[in-house]
Amino acid sequence: MSVDLDKWHPTYVYLAFWLQDKIKREGLEGIHYMEHARDWAERNADDETADAISKELRRL
């Protein structure tokens, strides 16, 4: 697949290649979804457990 780089402004072409090189050299920082999920679970585990137990008891 070829791309016509002439149709893009030279600044955009430069920045695209600069970003590509930066990512190649330094990689990308992770998004940390699992860390946020674990933190949320640790903060809310007691309330979530109590709510689940209360819901089941109301069914009785």
Protein backbone atom coordinates (compact mmCIF):
# COMPACT_ATOMS: atom_id res chain seq x y z
CA MET A 1 0.00 0.00 0.00
CA SER A 2 1.47 3.33 -0.99
CA VAL A 3 0.56 6.70 0.42
CA ASP A 4 0.88 9.98 -1.43
CA LEU A 5 2.74 12.08 1.13
CA ASP A 6 2.72 15.09 -1.21
CA LYS A 7 -0.97 15.69 -0.52
CA TRP A 8 -0.21 16.36 3.18
CA HIS A 9 1.32 19.51 4.64
CA PRO A 10 5.04 18.97 5.29
CA THR A 11 4.56 19.72 9.00
CA TYR A 12 2.09 16.85 9.34
CA VAL A 13 4.42 14.48 7.51
CA TYR A 14 7.33 15.50 9.73
CA LEU A 15 5.28 15.08 12.92
CA ALA A 16 3.93 11.68 11.83
CA PHE A 17 7.43 10.33 11.25
CA TRP A 18 8.74 11.97 14.41
CA LEU A 19 5.98 10.32 16.45
CA GLN A 20 6.61 6.96 14.78
CA ASP A 21 10.30 7.18 15.66
CA LYS A 22 9.58 8.27 19.25
CA ILE A 23 7.22 5.33 19.81
CA LYS A 24 9.78 2.96 18.26
CA ARG A 25 12.55 4.23 20.56
CA GLU A 26 10.61 4.74 23.80
CA GLY A 27 7.53 2.56 23.44
CA LEU A 28 4.14 3.50 24.82
CA GLU A 29 3.21 3.81 28.45
CA GLY A 30 0.52 1.33 29.40
CA ILE A 31 -3.01 2.48 30.04
CA HIS A 32 -3.24 0.78 33.44
CA TYR A 33 -6.86 -0.35 33.21
CA MET A 34 -6.16 -3.33 35.46
CA GLU A 35 -4.50 -1.15 38.08
CA HIS A 36 -7.52 1.16 38.16
CA ALA A 37 -9.89 -1.82 38.33
CA ARG A 38 -7.96 -3.36 41.21
CA ASP A 39 -7.90 -0.05 43.10
CA TRP A 40 -11.65 0.37 42.60
CA ALA A 41 -12.32 -3.20 43.76
CA GLU A 42 -10.21 -2.73 46.88
CA ARG A 43 -12.00 0.51 47.75
CA ASN A 44 -15.48 -0.83 47.07
CA ALA A 45 -15.28 -4.54 47.93
CA ASP A 46 -17.02 -4.25 51.30
CA ASP A 47 -19.93 -2.19 49.93
CA GLU A 48 -20.35 -4.41 46.86
CA THR A 49 -20.31 -7.55 49.01
CA ALA A 50 -22.81 -6.09 51.49
CA ASP A 51 -25.11 -5.04 48.64
CA ALA A 52 -24.97 -8.51 47.07
CA ILE A 53 -25.74 -10.20 50.40
CA SER A 54 -28.61 -7.78 51.10
CA LYS A 55 -30.06 -8.42 47.64
CA GLU A 56 -30.01 -12.17 48.18
CA LEU A 57 -31.55 -11.84 51.65
CA ARG A 58 -34.41 -9.73 50.27
CA ARG A 59 -35.26 -12.61 47.93
CA LEU A 60 -35.95 -14.90 50.91
